[in-house]
Amino acid sequence: MIKVILLAGFLLLAGLVPSSAQTPEVAPAVVAAEPAAQAPAVAAPAAEASSGKRALVLKFIDVFGTRKALEQNFEMMLEQMPADKPEETTQFRERVKVDEIIELLIPIYERNFSAEELQAFINFYESPNGQKLISTIPVLMQESVEVSASYIESKFPELANEENSAGSEEAVVDGVSAEAEKTN
């Protein structure tokens, strides 16, 4: 269960799942003012546009690295599952599919980006500068977390002291345990 929560957390951090504060746009109701014979002609271009936008979303997901990140996180989660319970790992692998998660993400992208925006994103992220940004983001995130953690620790030195003394106490307990085992 914790691993599912971690995956959900990853998705939220990656901006792939809208927060509860976001509300989906609701398509306005279409009023049938035209004869029914013309309805299929109107629906066909809309379906083609939707299909074209879906293709752009899928391309953006791949170019931006979302699919790759989901696959890597999925594999990391599987590696962290208890080795003594292989049935859980098998069950997780059988039930959770990255492609199914991506299918759930497509409407979010379609709702929040126009076809023109998606194409502009794709053009940028396929460019050398876009590829540089994609490859650098993990480094930026890691270093930003480290700098932020150091900053927070500097503002609360008493917490660092508590952690150090707790670590020292554990070391003393471990040392005493080891000495007791030697004498026995």
C-alpha atoms as a PDB file:
ATOM      1  CA  MET A   1       0.000   0.000   0.000  1.00  0.00           C
ATOM      2  CA  ILE A   2       2.839   2.385   0.818  1.00  0.00           C
ATOM      3  CA  LYS A   3       4.320   1.809  -2.603  1.00  0.00           C
ATOM      4  CA  VAL A   4       1.014   2.771  -4.242  1.00  0.00           C
ATOM      5  CA  ILE A   5       1.048   5.968  -2.204  1.00  0.00           C
ATOM      6  CA  LEU A   6       4.627   6.605  -3.346  1.00  0.00           C
ATOM      7  CA  LEU A   7       3.599   6.183  -6.972  1.00  0.00           C
ATOM      8  CA  ALA A   8       0.713   8.596  -6.456  1.00  0.00           C
ATOM      9  CA  GLY A   9       3.135  11.018  -4.800  1.00  0.00           C
ATOM     10  CA  PHE A  10       5.485  10.744  -7.751  1.00  0.00           C
ATOM     11  CA  LEU A  11       2.655  11.465 -10.141  1.00  0.00           C
ATOM     12  CA  LEU A  12       1.635  14.519  -8.132  1.00  0.00           C
ATOM     13  CA  LEU A  13       5.202  15.801  -7.975  1.00  0.00           C
ATOM     14  CA  ALA A  14       5.641  15.266 -11.678  1.00  0.00           C
ATOM     15  CA  GLY A  15       2.540  17.375 -12.262  1.00  0.00           C
ATOM     16  CA  LEU A  16       0.817  14.502 -13.980  1.00  0.00           C
ATOM     17  CA  VAL A  17      -2.198  14.362 -11.690  1.00  0.00           C
ATOM     18  CA  PRO A  18      -4.213  17.503 -11.071  1.00  0.00           C
ATOM     19  CA  SER A  19      -4.568  18.666  -7.502  1.00  0.00           C
ATOM     20  CA  SER A  20      -8.046  18.680  -5.996  1.00  0.00           C
ATOM     21  CA  ALA A  21      -8.064  22.442  -6.422  1.00  0.00           C
ATOM     22  CA  GLN A  22      -8.160  22.066 -10.194  1.00  0.00           C
ATOM     23  CA  THR A  23     -11.511  21.498 -11.741  1.00  0.00           C
ATOM     24  CA  PRO A  24     -11.918  19.951 -15.160  1.00  0.00           C
ATOM     25  CA  GLU A  25     -13.350  22.045 -17.915  1.00  0.00           C
ATOM     26  CA  VAL A  26     -16.821  20.978 -18.837  1.00  0.00           C
ATOM     27  CA  ALA A  27     -17.627  20.982 -22.517  1.00  0.00           C
ATOM     28  CA  PRO A  28     -20.660  23.090 -23.285  1.00  0.00           C
ATOM     29  CA  ALA A  29     -23.765  21.215 -24.293  1.00  0.00           C
ATOM     30  CA  VAL A  30     -24.382  21.146 -28.015  1.00  0.00           C
ATOM     31  CA  VAL A  31     -27.824  22.325 -28.995  1.00  0.00           C
ATOM     32  CA  ALA A  32     -29.250  20.403 -31.925  1.00  0.00           C
ATOM     33  CA  ALA A  33     -30.301  23.365 -34.035  1.00  0.00           C
ATOM     34  CA  GLU A  34     -29.292  21.738 -37.322  1.00  0.00           C
ATOM     35  CA  PRO A  35     -30.963  18.804 -39.008  1.00  0.00           C
ATOM     36  CA  ALA A  36     -29.901  15.353 -37.796  1.00  0.00           C
ATOM     37  CA  ALA A  37     -28.498  14.500 -41.239  1.00  0.00           C
ATOM     38  CA  GLN A  38     -25.674  16.980 -40.717  1.00  0.00           C
ATOM     39  CA  ALA A  39     -24.669  15.661 -37.280  1.00  0.00           C
ATOM     40  CA  PRO A  40     -22.283  12.927 -38.576  1.00  0.00           C
ATOM     41  CA  ALA A  41     -20.438  15.460 -40.739  1.00  0.00           C
ATOM     42  CA  VAL A  42     -19.845  17.610 -37.658  1.00  0.00           C
ATOM     43  CA  ALA A  43     -18.832  14.649 -35.475  1.00  0.00           C
ATOM     44  CA  ALA A  44     -16.247  13.294 -37.938  1.00  0.00           C
ATOM     45  CA  PRO A  45     -13.933  16.357 -37.874  1.00  0.00           C
ATOM     46  CA  ALA A  46     -14.258  16.503 -34.082  1.00  0.00           C
ATOM     47  CA  ALA A  47     -13.248  12.835 -33.839  1.00  0.00           C
ATOM     48  CA  GLU A  48     -10.318  13.441 -36.203  1.00  0.00           C
ATOM     49  CA  ALA A  49      -9.243  16.475 -34.179  1.00  0.00           C
ATOM     50  CA  SER A  50      -9.520  14.456 -30.987  1.00  0.00           C
ATOM     51  CA  SER A  51      -7.491  11.635 -32.537  1.00  0.00           C
ATOM     52  CA  GLY A  52      -4.872  14.129 -33.703  1.00  0.00           C
ATOM     53  CA  LYS A  53      -4.669  15.739 -30.284  1.00  0.00           C
ATOM     54  CA  ARG A  54      -4.405  12.312 -28.647  1.00  0.00           C
ATOM     55  CA  ALA A  55      -1.459  11.525 -30.918  1.00  0.00           C
ATOM     56  CA  LEU A  56       0.175  14.811 -29.895  1.00  0.00           C
ATOM     57  CA  VAL A  57      -0.358  13.995 -26.201  1.00  0.00           C
ATOM     58  CA  LEU A  58       1.220  10.570 -26.651  1.00  0.00           C
ATOM     59  CA  LYS A  59       4.164  12.058 -28.528  1.00  0.00           C
ATOM     60  CA  PHE A  60       4.629  14.721 -25.853  1.00  0.00           C
ATOM     61  CA  ILE A  61       4.499  12.078 -23.099  1.00  0.00           C
ATOM     62  CA  ASP A  62       7.289  10.215 -24.868  1.00  0.00           C
ATOM     63  CA  VAL A  63       9.398  13.257 -25.828  1.00  0.00           C
ATOM     64  CA  PHE A  64       9.129  14.771 -22.346  1.00  0.00           C
ATOM     65  CA  GLY A  65      10.139  11.468 -20.761  1.00  0.00           C
ATOM     66  CA  THR A  66       6.984  10.808 -18.772  1.00  0.00           C
ATOM     67  CA  ARG A  67       6.650   7.240 -20.033  1.00  0.00           C
ATOM     68  CA  LYS A  68      10.310   6.513 -19.311  1.00  0.00           C
ATOM     69  CA  ALA A  69      10.033   7.999 -15.802  1.00  0.00           C
ATOM     70  CA  LEU A  70       6.926   5.935 -15.050  1.00  0.00           C
ATOM     71  CA  GLU A  71       8.639   2.766 -16.295  1.00  0.00           C
ATOM     72  CA  GLN A  72      11.749   3.472 -14.206  1.00  0.00           C
ATOM     73  CA  ASN A  73       9.705   4.193 -11.079  1.00  0.00           C
ATOM     74  CA  PHE A  74       7.653   1.056 -11.672  1.00  0.00           C
ATOM     75  CA  GLU A  75      10.847  -1.035 -11.856  1.00  0.00           C
ATOM     76  CA  MET A  76      12.271   0.645  -8.734  1.00  0.00           C
ATOM     77  CA  MET A  77       9.066  -0.107  -6.854  1.00  0.00           C
ATOM     78  CA  LEU A  78       9.270  -3.755  -7.926  1.00  0.00           C
ATOM     79  CA  GLU A  79      12.901  -3.955  -6.772  1.00  0.00           C
ATOM     80  CA  GLN A  80      11.932  -2.575  -3.354  1.00  0.00           C
ATOM     81  CA  MET A  81       9.190  -5.115  -2.792  1.00  0.00           C
ATOM     82  CA  PRO A  82      10.018  -7.794  -0.212  1.00  0.00           C
ATOM     83  CA  ALA A  83      12.099 -10.597  -1.720  1.00  0.00           C
ATOM     84  CA  ASP A  84      10.448 -13.074   0.618  1.00  0.00           C
ATOM     85  CA  LYS A  85       7.040 -12.358  -0.950  1.00  0.00           C
ATOM     86  CA  PRO A  86       7.517 -12.907  -4.688  1.00  0.00           C
ATOM     87  CA  GLU A  87       3.786 -13.408  -5.141  1.00  0.00           C
ATOM     88  CA  GLU A  88       3.201  -9.737  -4.264  1.00  0.00           C
ATOM     89  CA  THR A  89       5.722  -8.642  -6.879  1.00  0.00           C
ATOM     90  CA  THR A  90       4.132 -10.902  -9.485  1.00  0.00           C
ATOM     91  CA  GLN A  91       0.653  -9.667  -8.599  1.00  0.00           C
ATOM     92  CA  PHE A  92       1.785  -6.030  -8.807  1.00  0.00           C
ATOM     93  CA  ARG A  93       3.493  -6.627 -12.171  1.00  0.00           C
ATOM     94  CA  GLU A  94       0.363  -8.340 -13.529  1.00  0.00           C
ATOM     95  CA  ARG A  95      -2.075  -5.674 -12.336  1.00  0.00           C
ATOM     96  CA  VAL A  96      -0.247  -2.382 -12.823  1.00  0.00           C
ATOM     97  CA  LYS A  97       0.598  -1.357 -16.382  1.00  0.00           C
ATOM     98  CA  VAL A  98       2.366   1.838 -17.378  1.00  0.00           C
ATOM     99  CA  ASP A  99       0.349   2.016 -20.600  1.00  0.00           C
ATOM    100  CA  GLU A 100      -2.871   1.943 -18.564  1.00  0.00           C
ATOM    101  CA  ILE A 101      -1.621   4.802 -16.387  1.00  0.00           C
ATOM    102  CA  ILE A 102      -0.758   6.774 -19.523  1.00  0.00           C
ATOM    103  CA  GLU A 103      -4.268   6.162 -20.873  1.00  0.00           C
ATOM    104  CA  LEU A 104      -5.589   7.756 -17.674  1.00  0.00           C
ATOM    105  CA  LEU A 105      -3.267  10.733 -18.144  1.00  0.00           C
ATOM    106  CA  ILE A 106      -4.230  11.492 -21.756  1.00  0.00           C
ATOM    107  CA  PRO A 107      -7.524  13.265 -20.906  1.00  0.00           C
ATOM    108  CA  ILE A 108      -5.683  15.459 -18.400  1.00  0.00           C
ATOM    109  CA  TYR A 109      -3.254  16.651 -21.052  1.00  0.00           C
ATOM    110  CA  GLU A 110      -6.042  17.022 -23.630  1.00  0.00           C
ATOM    111  CA  ARG A 111      -8.055  19.118 -21.196  1.00  0.00           C
ATOM    112  CA  ASN A 112      -5.190  21.395 -20.193  1.00  0.00           C
ATOM    113  CA  PHE A 113      -3.311  21.930 -23.467  1.00  0.00           C
ATOM    114  CA  SER A 114      -4.386  22.860 -26.960  1.00  0.00           C
ATOM    115  CA  ALA A 115      -3.020  20.996 -29.972  1.00  0.00           C
ATOM    116  CA  GLU A 116      -0.918  24.046 -30.792  1.00  0.00           C
ATOM    117  CA  GLU A 117       0.589  24.135 -27.294  1.00  0.00           C
ATOM    118  CA  LEU A 118       1.360  20.420 -27.390  1.00  0.00           C
ATOM    119  CA  GLN A 119       3.076  20.812 -30.761  1.00  0.00           C
ATOM    120  CA  ALA A 120       5.118  23.752 -29.429  1.00  0.00           C
ATOM    121  CA  PHE A 121       6.159  21.677 -26.390  1.00  0.00           C
ATOM    122  CA  ILE A 122       7.134  18.781 -28.643  1.00  0.00           C
ATOM    123  CA  ASN A 123       9.136  21.071 -30.923  1.00  0.00           C
ATOM    124  CA  PHE A 124      10.989  22.514 -27.940  1.00  0.00           C
ATOM    125  CA  TYR A 125      11.674  19.231 -26.128  1.00  0.00           C
ATOM    126  CA  GLU A 126      12.894  17.592 -29.343  1.00  0.00           C
ATOM    127  CA  SER A 127      15.376  20.455 -29.848  1.00  0.00           C
ATOM    128  CA  PRO A 128      18.924  20.347 -28.411  1.00  0.00           C
ATOM    129  CA  ASN A 129      17.943  22.913 -25.764  1.00  0.00           C
ATOM    130  CA  GLY A 130      14.859  20.910 -24.812  1.00  0.00           C
ATOM    131  CA  GLN A 131      16.886  17.705 -24.560  1.00  0.00           C
ATOM    132  CA  LYS A 132      19.435  19.533 -22.401  1.00  0.00           C
ATOM    133  CA  LEU A 133      16.637  20.691 -20.091  1.00  0.00           C
ATOM    134  CA  ILE A 134      15.179  17.175 -19.832  1.00  0.00           C
ATOM    135  CA  SER A 135      18.576  15.659 -19.032  1.00  0.00           C
ATOM    136  CA  THR A 136      19.411  18.387 -16.522  1.00  0.00           C
ATOM    137  CA  ILE A 137      16.131  18.460 -14.574  1.00  0.00           C
ATOM    138  CA  PRO A 138      17.008  15.424 -12.383  1.00  0.00           C
ATOM    139  CA  VAL A 139      20.344  17.010 -11.432  1.00  0.00           C
ATOM    140  CA  LEU A 140      18.650  20.333 -10.710  1.00  0.00           C
ATOM    141  CA  MET A 141      16.028  18.613  -8.564  1.00  0.00           C
ATOM    142  CA  GLN A 142      18.568  16.590  -6.587  1.00  0.00           C
ATOM    143  CA  GLU A 143      20.848  19.545  -5.951  1.00  0.00           C
ATOM    144  CA  SER A 144      17.868  21.784  -5.111  1.00  0.00           C
ATOM    145  CA  VAL A 145      16.633  19.276  -2.528  1.00  0.00           C
ATOM    146  CA  GLU A 146      20.116  19.042  -0.990  1.00  0.00           C
ATOM    147  CA  VAL A 147      20.515  22.830  -0.831  1.00  0.00           C
ATOM    148  CA  SER A 148      16.998  23.261   0.581  1.00  0.00           C
ATOM    149  CA  ALA A 149      17.594  20.582   3.212  1.00  0.00           C
ATOM    150  CA  SER A 150      20.894  22.213   4.243  1.00  0.00           C
ATOM    151  CA  TYR A 151      19.194  25.585   4.455  1.00  0.00           C
ATOM    152  CA  ILE A 152      16.384  24.220   6.643  1.00  0.00           C
ATOM    153  CA  GLU A 153      18.894  22.393   8.858  1.00  0.00           C
ATOM    154  CA  SER A 154      20.814  25.666   9.303  1.00  0.00           C
ATOM    155  CA  LYS A 155      17.611  27.339  10.505  1.00  0.00           C
ATOM    156  CA  PHE A 156      16.890  24.525  12.977  1.00  0.00           C
ATOM    157  CA  PRO A 157      20.262  23.378  14.366  1.00  0.00           C
ATOM    158  CA  GLU A 158      18.543  21.926  17.429  1.00  0.00           C
ATOM    159  CA  LEU A 159      16.882  19.316  15.211  1.00  0.00           C
ATOM    160  CA  ALA A 160      20.232  18.287  13.731  1.00  0.00           C
ATOM    161  CA  ASN A 161      21.650  17.990  17.257  1.00  0.00           C
ATOM    162  CA  GLU A 162      18.728  15.768  18.302  1.00  0.00           C
ATOM    163  CA  GLU A 163      19.307  13.529  15.271  1.00  0.00           C
ATOM    164  CA  ASN A 164      23.042  13.324  15.979  1.00  0.00           C
ATOM    165  CA  SER A 165      22.486  12.459  19.636  1.00  0.00           C
ATOM    166  CA  ALA A 166      19.868   9.854  18.652  1.00  0.00           C
ATOM    167  CA  GLY A 167      22.394   8.353  16.230  1.00  0.00           C
ATOM    168  CA  SER A 168      25.062   8.398  18.955  1.00  0.00           C
ATOM    169  CA  GLU A 169      22.700   6.671  21.384  1.00  0.00           C
ATOM    170  CA  GLU A 170      22.026   3.965  18.803  1.00  0.00           C
ATOM    171  CA  ALA A 171      25.754   3.542  18.253  1.00  0.00           C
ATOM    172  CA  VAL A 172      26.308   3.254  22.013  1.00  0.00           C
ATOM    173  CA  VAL A 173      23.510   0.703  22.314  1.00  0.00           C
ATOM    174  CA  ASP A 174      24.959  -1.243  19.388  1.00  0.00           C
ATOM    175  CA  GLY A 175      28.440  -1.004  20.917  1.00  0.00           C
ATOM    176  CA  VAL A 176      27.195  -2.179  24.319  1.00  0.00           C
ATOM    177  CA  SER A 177      25.293  -5.031  22.639  1.00  0.00           C
ATOM    178  CA  ALA A 178      28.417  -6.060  20.759  1.00  0.00           C
ATOM    179  CA  GLU A 179      30.538  -5.951  23.923  1.00  0.00           C
ATOM    180  CA  ALA A 180      27.945  -7.975  25.826  1.00  0.00           C
ATOM    181  CA  GLU A 181      27.984 -10.611  23.094  1.00  0.00           C
ATOM    182  CA  LYS A 182      31.802 -10.803  23.248  1.00  0.00           C
ATOM    183  CA  THR A 183      31.796 -11.410  27.015  1.00  0.00           C
ATOM    184  CA  ASN A 184      29.097 -14.107  26.765  1.00  0.00           C
END
